[in-house]
Protein backbone atom coordinates (compact mmCIF):
# COMPACT_ATOMS: atom_id res chain seq x y z
CA MET A 1 -42.39 14.69 -62.11
CA SER A 2 -45.51 13.89 -64.13
CA SER A 3 -45.92 12.20 -67.49
CA SER A 4 -48.52 12.45 -70.22
CA ILE A 5 -48.85 10.70 -73.54
CA ILE A 6 -49.84 12.66 -76.61
CA GLY A 7 -50.31 10.43 -79.67
CA ARG A 8 -47.10 8.44 -80.06
CA CYS A 9 -44.92 10.92 -78.21
CA HIS A 10 -44.17 11.04 -74.50
CA PHE A 11 -43.65 14.38 -72.85
CA VAL A 12 -42.12 14.59 -69.39
CA ALA A 13 -42.59 17.74 -67.37
CA ASP A 14 -39.72 18.50 -64.99
CA SER A 15 -39.76 20.97 -62.15
CA ILE A 16 -36.44 22.78 -62.02
CA GLU A 17 -35.43 25.28 -59.38
CA ALA A 18 -33.58 28.25 -60.81
CA ALA A 19 -32.79 31.56 -59.13
CA GLY A 20 -35.19 30.84 -56.26
CA THR A 21 -38.16 30.16 -58.54
CA LYS A 22 -39.60 27.07 -60.11
CA ARG A 23 -40.06 26.74 -63.85
CA ARG A 24 -41.42 23.83 -65.82
CA THR A 25 -39.75 22.45 -68.92
CA THR A 26 -41.03 19.84 -71.34
CA ARG A 27 -38.63 17.19 -72.55
CA TRP A 28 -39.58 14.81 -75.35
CA ARG A 29 -38.94 11.11 -75.08
CA SER A 30 -39.58 8.48 -77.72
CA PRO A 31 -42.11 5.81 -76.76
CA ARG A 32 -41.52 2.19 -76.05
CA ALA A 33 -42.87 -0.10 -78.73
CA ALA A 34 -43.29 -3.70 -79.81
CA VAL A 35 -40.75 -5.55 -77.63
CA ILE A 36 -40.57 -4.43 -74.01
CA PRO A 37 -39.15 -6.16 -70.93
CA SER A 38 -42.50 -6.85 -69.24
CA PHE A 39 -45.22 -8.41 -71.36
CA HIS A 40 -48.79 -7.81 -70.27
CA LEU A 41 -49.80 -11.06 -71.97
CA PRO A 42 -47.99 -14.39 -71.62
CA MET A 43 -45.83 -15.29 -74.61
CA ARG A 44 -46.77 -18.38 -76.55
CA SER A 45 -44.16 -21.14 -76.49
CA ASN A 46 -43.11 -20.52 -80.10
CA GLU A 47 -42.65 -16.81 -79.35
CA VAL A 48 -40.38 -17.59 -76.41
CA LYS A 49 -38.45 -20.08 -78.52
CA ASN A 50 -37.98 -17.67 -81.42
CA ARG A 51 -37.30 -14.49 -79.47
CA THR A 52 -33.89 -13.04 -80.26
CA PHE A 53 -31.73 -10.90 -78.01
CA ALA A 54 -28.99 -8.45 -78.96
CA ASP A 55 -26.33 -10.86 -77.68
CA ASP A 56 -27.48 -13.42 -80.26
CA ILE A 57 -26.74 -10.91 -83.01
CA LYS A 58 -23.48 -9.68 -81.48
CA ALA A 59 -22.01 -13.17 -81.85
CA LEU A 60 -22.36 -13.27 -85.66
CA ARG A 61 -19.08 -13.18 -87.61
CA LEU A 62 -20.23 -13.44 -91.23
CA ILE A 63 -23.39 -11.70 -92.40
CA THR A 64 -24.23 -11.51 -96.10
CA ALA A 65 -26.06 -8.53 -97.57
CA ILE A 66 -28.10 -10.83 -99.80
CA LYS A 67 -28.97 -10.06 -103.42
CA THR A 68 -32.63 -9.89 -104.52
CA PRO A 69 -33.09 -11.57 -107.94
CA TYR A 70 -35.87 -10.72 -110.39
CA LEU A 71 -38.11 -12.29 -112.99
CA PRO A 72 -38.23 -10.76 -116.48
CA ASP A 73 -41.24 -8.64 -115.51
CA GLY A 74 -39.36 -7.20 -112.53
CA ARG A 75 -41.10 -9.18 -109.79
CA PHE A 76 -39.05 -11.08 -107.21
CA ASP A 77 -37.68 -14.42 -108.36
CA LEU A 78 -38.26 -16.24 -105.08
CA GLU A 79 -37.02 -19.58 -106.41
CA ALA A 80 -33.63 -18.04 -107.26
CA TYR A 81 -33.65 -16.09 -103.98
CA ASP A 82 -34.21 -19.25 -101.97
CA THR A 83 -31.31 -20.90 -103.77
CA LEU A 84 -29.05 -17.97 -102.93
CA VAL A 85 -29.97 -18.01 -99.24
CA ASN A 86 -29.64 -21.78 -99.02
CA LEU A 87 -26.15 -21.60 -100.54
CA GLN A 88 -25.22 -19.06 -97.86
CA ILE A 89 -26.40 -21.44 -95.15
CA GLU A 90 -24.57 -24.41 -96.67
CA ASN A 91 -21.33 -22.42 -96.75
CA GLY A 92 -21.45 -21.26 -93.15
CA THR A 93 -22.89 -17.76 -93.34
CA GLU A 94 -24.58 -16.90 -90.03
CA GLY A 95 -26.90 -14.06 -91.02
CA VAL A 96 -28.40 -12.24 -93.98
CA ILE A 97 -29.40 -8.62 -94.45
CA VAL A 98 -32.68 -8.61 -96.35
CA GLY A 99 -33.51 -5.62 -98.53
CA GLY A 100 -30.34 -3.70 -97.80
CA THR A 101 -28.47 -1.62 -100.36
CA THR A 102 -27.14 -4.80 -101.95
CA GLY A 103 -30.62 -6.34 -101.92
CA GLU A 104 -32.01 -3.14 -103.45
CA GLY A 105 -34.44 -2.30 -100.70
CA GLN A 106 -34.32 1.23 -102.07
CA LEU A 107 -36.13 -0.04 -105.19
CA MET A 108 -38.84 -1.91 -103.26
CA SER A 109 -42.25 -0.89 -102.05
CA TRP A 110 -42.66 -1.45 -98.31
CA ASP A 111 -45.12 -4.25 -99.10
CA GLU A 112 -42.43 -6.02 -101.12
CA HIS A 113 -39.87 -5.31 -98.44
CA ILE A 114 -41.85 -6.78 -95.53
CA MET A 115 -43.01 -9.70 -97.64
CA LEU A 116 -39.41 -10.63 -98.45
CA ILE A 117 -38.39 -10.38 -94.80
CA GLY A 118 -41.33 -12.59 -93.78
CA HIS A 119 -40.61 -15.07 -96.56
CA THR A 120 -36.96 -15.34 -95.48
CA VAL A 121 -37.91 -15.89 -91.85
CA ASN A 122 -40.53 -18.49 -92.77
CA CYS A 123 -38.18 -20.48 -95.01
CA PHE A 124 -34.81 -20.04 -93.31
CA GLY A 125 -35.29 -18.40 -89.91
CA GLY A 126 -34.43 -21.60 -88.06
CA SER A 127 -31.06 -21.89 -89.82
CA ILE A 128 -29.82 -18.32 -90.20
CA LYS A 129 -30.39 -14.96 -88.53
CA VAL A 130 -32.62 -12.70 -90.61
CA ILE A 131 -31.82 -9.00 -90.27
CA GLY A 132 -34.33 -6.77 -92.01
CA ASN A 133 -33.30 -3.42 -93.41
CA THR A 134 -36.18 -1.35 -92.06
CA GLY A 135 -34.31 1.95 -91.89
CA SER A 136 -35.54 5.09 -93.59
CA ASN A 137 -34.86 8.82 -93.80
CA SER A 138 -38.38 9.21 -92.39
CA THR A 139 -38.71 8.30 -88.73
CA ARG A 140 -42.40 7.55 -89.25
CA GLU A 141 -41.57 5.03 -91.98
CA ALA A 142 -38.72 3.52 -89.97
CA ILE A 143 -41.02 2.97 -86.97
CA HIS A 144 -43.78 1.42 -89.07
CA ALA A 145 -41.47 -0.82 -91.11
CA THR A 146 -39.61 -2.01 -88.01
CA GLU A 147 -42.87 -2.87 -86.24
CA GLN A 148 -43.91 -4.89 -89.28
CA GLY A 149 -40.50 -6.52 -89.63
CA PHE A 150 -40.48 -7.79 -86.06
CA ALA A 151 -44.13 -8.81 -86.43
CA VAL A 152 -43.20 -11.15 -89.30
CA GLY A 153 -40.36 -12.60 -87.27
CA MET A 154 -37.09 -10.92 -88.23
CA HIS A 155 -34.36 -11.39 -85.65
CA ALA A 156 -32.92 -7.88 -85.85
CA ALA A 157 -33.26 -4.59 -87.69
CA LEU A 158 -30.69 -2.64 -89.69
CA HIS A 159 -31.05 1.14 -89.39
CA ILE A 160 -29.34 3.81 -91.43
CA ASN A 161 -29.25 7.47 -90.45
CA PRO A 162 -31.69 9.81 -92.25
CA TYR A 163 -30.21 10.71 -95.64
CA TYR A 164 -30.71 13.61 -98.06
CA GLY A 165 -32.96 15.51 -95.65
CA LYS A 166 -30.21 15.35 -93.04
CA THR A 167 -30.89 16.20 -89.43
CA SER A 168 -28.89 17.41 -86.42
CA LEU A 169 -27.00 15.16 -84.03
CA GLU A 170 -29.85 15.48 -81.54
CA GLY A 171 -32.19 14.54 -84.35
CA LEU A 172 -30.13 11.42 -85.06
CA ILE A 173 -30.37 10.41 -81.42
CA SER A 174 -34.14 10.94 -81.37
CA HIS A 175 -34.51 8.98 -84.62
CA PHE A 176 -32.62 5.96 -83.33
CA GLU A 177 -34.31 6.14 -79.93
CA SER A 178 -37.63 5.81 -81.74
CA VAL A 179 -36.76 2.38 -83.14
CA LEU A 180 -34.29 0.82 -80.70
CA PRO A 181 -36.92 -0.24 -78.13
CA MET A 182 -38.50 -2.62 -80.66
CA GLY A 183 -35.73 -5.21 -80.73
CA PRO A 184 -32.09 -5.98 -81.58
CA THR A 185 -30.70 -3.31 -83.87
CA ILE A 186 -27.60 -2.73 -85.99
CA ILE A 187 -26.85 0.90 -86.84
CA TYR A 188 -25.36 1.38 -90.30
CA ASN A 189 -22.89 4.19 -90.91
CA VAL A 190 -22.04 4.79 -94.57
CA PRO A 191 -21.42 8.53 -95.16
CA SER A 192 -20.61 7.97 -98.84
CA ARG A 193 -24.28 7.14 -99.38
CA THR A 194 -26.05 9.21 -96.74
CA GLY A 195 -23.91 12.34 -96.93
CA GLN A 196 -23.62 12.41 -93.13
CA ASP A 197 -21.31 10.61 -90.72
CA ILE A 198 -22.78 9.16 -87.54
CA PRO A 199 -20.23 10.40 -84.99
CA PRO A 200 -19.12 8.34 -81.98
CA ARG A 201 -21.11 10.55 -79.60
CA VAL A 202 -24.34 9.32 -81.15
CA ILE A 203 -23.29 5.66 -81.05
CA GLN A 204 -22.10 5.95 -77.46
CA THR A 205 -25.50 7.37 -76.51
CA MET A 206 -27.28 4.53 -78.31
CA ALA A 207 -25.01 1.96 -76.65
CA LYS A 208 -26.89 2.57 -73.41
CA SER A 209 -29.79 0.63 -74.93
CA PRO A 210 -29.67 -3.15 -74.38
CA ASN A 211 -31.07 -3.52 -77.91
CA LEU A 212 -28.05 -2.06 -79.69
CA ALA A 213 -26.35 -5.10 -81.20
CA GLY A 214 -23.61 -3.05 -82.81
CA VAL A 215 -22.54 -0.91 -85.74
CA LYS A 216 -21.91 -1.64 -89.39
CA GLU A 217 -19.06 0.83 -89.90
CA CYS A 218 -17.77 2.01 -93.27
CA VAL A 219 -15.62 4.98 -92.20
CA GLY A 220 -12.47 2.94 -91.60
CA ASN A 221 -10.43 0.98 -89.13
CA ASP A 222 -9.56 3.88 -86.83
CA ARG A 223 -13.27 4.26 -86.11
CA VAL A 224 -13.63 0.50 -85.76
CA GLU A 225 -10.90 0.44 -83.12
CA GLN A 226 -12.43 3.41 -81.30
CA TYR A 227 -15.62 1.42 -80.80
CA THR A 228 -14.17 -2.02 -80.13
CA SER A 229 -11.79 -0.63 -77.50
CA ASN A 230 -14.89 0.62 -75.68
CA GLY A 231 -16.78 -2.65 -75.89
CA ILE A 232 -19.07 -1.76 -78.80
CA VAL A 233 -19.53 -4.52 -81.37
CA VAL A 234 -18.57 -3.55 -84.93
CA TRP A 235 -18.93 -5.25 -88.28
CA SER A 236 -16.78 -3.96 -91.09
CA GLY A 237 -18.87 -2.58 -93.92
CA ASN A 238 -15.91 -2.56 -96.33
CA ASP A 239 -15.02 -5.94 -97.76
CA ASP A 240 -11.52 -4.83 -98.75
CA GLU A 241 -10.79 -3.84 -95.11
CA CYS A 242 -12.67 -6.58 -93.30
CA HIS A 243 -9.77 -9.00 -92.78
CA VAL A 244 -7.61 -6.34 -91.15
CA SER A 245 -10.63 -5.01 -89.24
CA ARG A 246 -11.33 -8.47 -87.86
CA TRP A 247 -7.85 -9.53 -86.84
CA ASP A 248 -6.04 -6.24 -86.11
CA TYR A 249 -8.74 -3.80 -84.97
CA GLY A 250 -11.15 -5.98 -83.03
CA ALA A 251 -14.12 -6.11 -85.40
CA THR A 252 -16.51 -8.96 -84.70
CA GLY A 253 -16.82 -9.71 -88.40
CA VAL A 254 -18.15 -8.35 -91.67
CA ILE A 255 -21.45 -7.55 -93.34
CA SER A 256 -20.35 -8.57 -96.79
CA VAL A 257 -21.21 -8.20 -100.46
CA THR A 258 -18.43 -10.51 -101.63
CA SER A 259 -19.86 -13.42 -99.64
CA ASN A 260 -22.78 -13.54 -102.07
CA LEU A 261 -20.26 -15.02 -104.53
CA VAL A 262 -17.69 -16.85 -102.37
CA PRO A 263 -19.32 -17.46 -98.97
CA GLY A 264 -16.95 -20.30 -98.06
CA LEU A 265 -13.84 -18.22 -98.62
CA MET A 266 -15.32 -15.26 -96.72
CA ARG A 267 -16.11 -17.55 -93.81
CA GLU A 268 -12.52 -18.74 -93.80
CA LEU A 269 -11.38 -15.12 -93.82
CA MET A 270 -13.51 -14.35 -90.74
CA PHE A 271 -13.08 -17.61 -88.80
CA GLY A 272 -9.76 -19.12 -89.81
CA GLY A 273 -7.35 -16.67 -88.22
CA LYS A 274 -5.15 -14.17 -89.97
CA ASN A 275 -4.65 -15.22 -93.56
CA LEU A 276 -2.92 -12.56 -95.64
CA ALA A 277 -2.55 -14.91 -98.61
CA LEU A 278 -6.29 -15.53 -98.88
CA ASN A 279 -7.05 -11.86 -98.34
CA SER A 280 -4.68 -10.94 -101.17
CA LYS A 281 -6.22 -13.62 -103.38
CA LEU A 282 -9.68 -12.12 -102.91
CA MET A 283 -8.64 -8.49 -103.29
CA PRO A 284 -9.00 -8.34 -107.12
CA LEU A 285 -12.56 -9.65 -106.79
CA MET A 286 -13.41 -7.10 -104.11
CA GLU A 287 -11.95 -4.26 -106.15
CA TRP A 288 -13.90 -5.41 -109.20
CA LEU A 289 -17.14 -5.55 -107.19
CA PHE A 290 -16.85 -1.92 -106.14
CA HIS A 291 -15.51 -0.40 -109.36
CA GLU A 292 -19.05 0.91 -109.89
CA PRO A 293 -21.54 1.60 -107.09
CA ASN A 294 -22.82 -1.57 -105.42
CA PRO A 295 -24.85 -3.63 -106.39
CA ILE A 296 -24.16 -3.13 -110.10
CA ALA A 297 -21.17 -5.49 -110.29
CA LEU A 298 -22.69 -8.11 -107.99
CA ASN A 299 -25.85 -8.27 -110.08
CA THR A 300 -23.72 -8.66 -113.20
CA ALA A 301 -21.55 -11.36 -111.63
CA LEU A 302 -24.46 -13.47 -110.39
CA ALA A 303 -25.99 -13.37 -113.86
CA GLN A 304 -22.66 -14.42 -115.39
CA LEU A 305 -22.50 -17.35 -112.96
CA GLY A 306 -25.99 -18.41 -114.05
CA VAL A 307 -27.53 -18.34 -110.56
CA VAL A 308 -29.91 -15.44 -111.25
CA ARG A 309 -31.63 -14.21 -114.40
CA PRO A 310 -29.87 -11.24 -116.07
CA VAL A 311 -32.65 -8.85 -115.03
CA PHE A 312 -31.96 -5.37 -113.64
CA ARG A 313 -34.38 -2.97 -112.04
CA LEU A 314 -33.45 0.49 -113.26
CA PRO A 315 -31.55 2.67 -112.52
CA TYR A 316 -29.06 -0.21 -112.24
CA VAL A 317 -27.57 -1.48 -115.50
CA PRO A 318 -24.96 -4.21 -116.08
CA LEU A 319 -21.25 -3.63 -116.28
CA THR A 320 -19.63 -3.22 -119.69
CA LYS A 321 -18.55 -6.25 -121.69
CA ALA A 322 -14.91 -5.46 -120.93
CA LYS A 323 -15.60 -5.62 -117.19
CA ARG A 324 -17.59 -8.83 -117.66
CA GLU A 325 -14.61 -10.37 -119.43
CA GLU A 326 -12.45 -9.26 -116.51
CA PHE A 327 -14.77 -11.10 -114.12
CA VAL A 328 -14.37 -14.33 -116.08
CA LYS A 329 -10.60 -14.07 -115.60
CA ILE A 330 -10.99 -13.37 -111.87
CA VAL A 331 -13.20 -16.45 -111.45
CA LYS A 332 -10.64 -18.64 -113.17
CA GLU A 333 -7.80 -17.25 -111.04
CA ILE A 334 -9.62 -17.80 -107.75
CA GLY A 335 -11.14 -21.09 -108.91
CA ARG A 336 -14.66 -21.68 -110.20
CA GLU A 337 -15.19 -24.24 -107.44
CA ASN A 338 -15.04 -21.45 -104.84
CA PHE A 339 -17.95 -19.55 -106.37
CA ILE A 340 -21.63 -20.38 -105.94
CA GLY A 341 -23.54 -22.09 -108.73
CA GLU A 342 -22.65 -24.94 -111.02
CA ARG A 343 -22.66 -23.45 -114.52
CA ASP A 344 -19.53 -22.24 -116.27
CA VAL A 345 -19.02 -18.50 -115.93
CA GLN A 346 -20.14 -16.62 -119.06
CA VAL A 347 -19.34 -13.18 -120.45
CA LEU A 348 -22.92 -12.71 -121.76
CA ASP A 349 -23.89 -10.37 -124.57
CA ASP A 350 -25.34 -6.93 -123.97
CA ASN A 351 -28.68 -8.03 -125.39
CA ASP A 352 -28.88 -10.88 -122.85
CA PHE A 353 -29.74 -8.40 -120.12
CA ILE A 354 -33.26 -7.18 -119.40
CA LEU A 355 -33.69 -3.69 -117.94
CA VAL A 356 -36.99 -3.08 -116.19
CA GLY A 357 -38.16 0.47 -115.54
CA ARG A 358 -41.72 -0.26 -114.34
CA TYR A 359 -42.44 -3.19 -112.09
């Protein structure tokens, strides 16, 4: 067997005997990148100290898909962002997804995206695990963003399957194999957004990599159990199912939207044992949050709580006044003290919101 490297791709030529003759076939393999077992240069002490392994990520029970707040001109409001992350830390959240769907990574330039990951690591990386959403429907972009994300210190990457321009199952495997060698990775399966399910065969293939931390699974608890019964770590991607996923189907925890608002109660839900009363108490909030596509309701709620400015990057727009009034009632029923922020919850008028189309 001989190997040659062409650009970023590795091709392996195999000699195969068939029908008394030898023929040569070329099989493509994705390259190793960024983080590999044997370093050709010694690691500096801070690099050794800060290096994260997949097992460090597998242990996380509560991960918040953190919101990205904005200034009136559409730029990041880093002061408000830092407050949000700090409140997560104070209330026992163990990790944050930076620039995910909830954080509106889909509305960011890659420069913004990597900057926010680096900022989060620099400010909070010693207190919370920072998982950067560096996935893309373009393998080239996913490789480049993941290299940059690990270069600025993120502890793990979140990778979605290629969306819109969908590929074959073999294409999915090749896509994930291109990024897994770089460091700890969570694969995110959400067919309602991508239009394509990641089937168990793909995940089982990826599980051979020591860098697969686990799966954020949104298909349902039958799929969760299928993985957990085979030793694959799963985080529920559905807040309304996460309690049952955790305590009845073996999920490690949840990657949550709701924990942006009530991190302490979500921690109790994931750490405190089975608690059907608390789960039922939170259900109206969870249902309200996903009445419209995420993160529309979350953005509206955080503005009503006064912890972020009421600024939306289009195409997201706030919920209707009737739904905002409903949120005020939900807050009072659950207890204002359980929500982040210190101001009284407000309904807000329609003209209080700023919609930014160019930023």
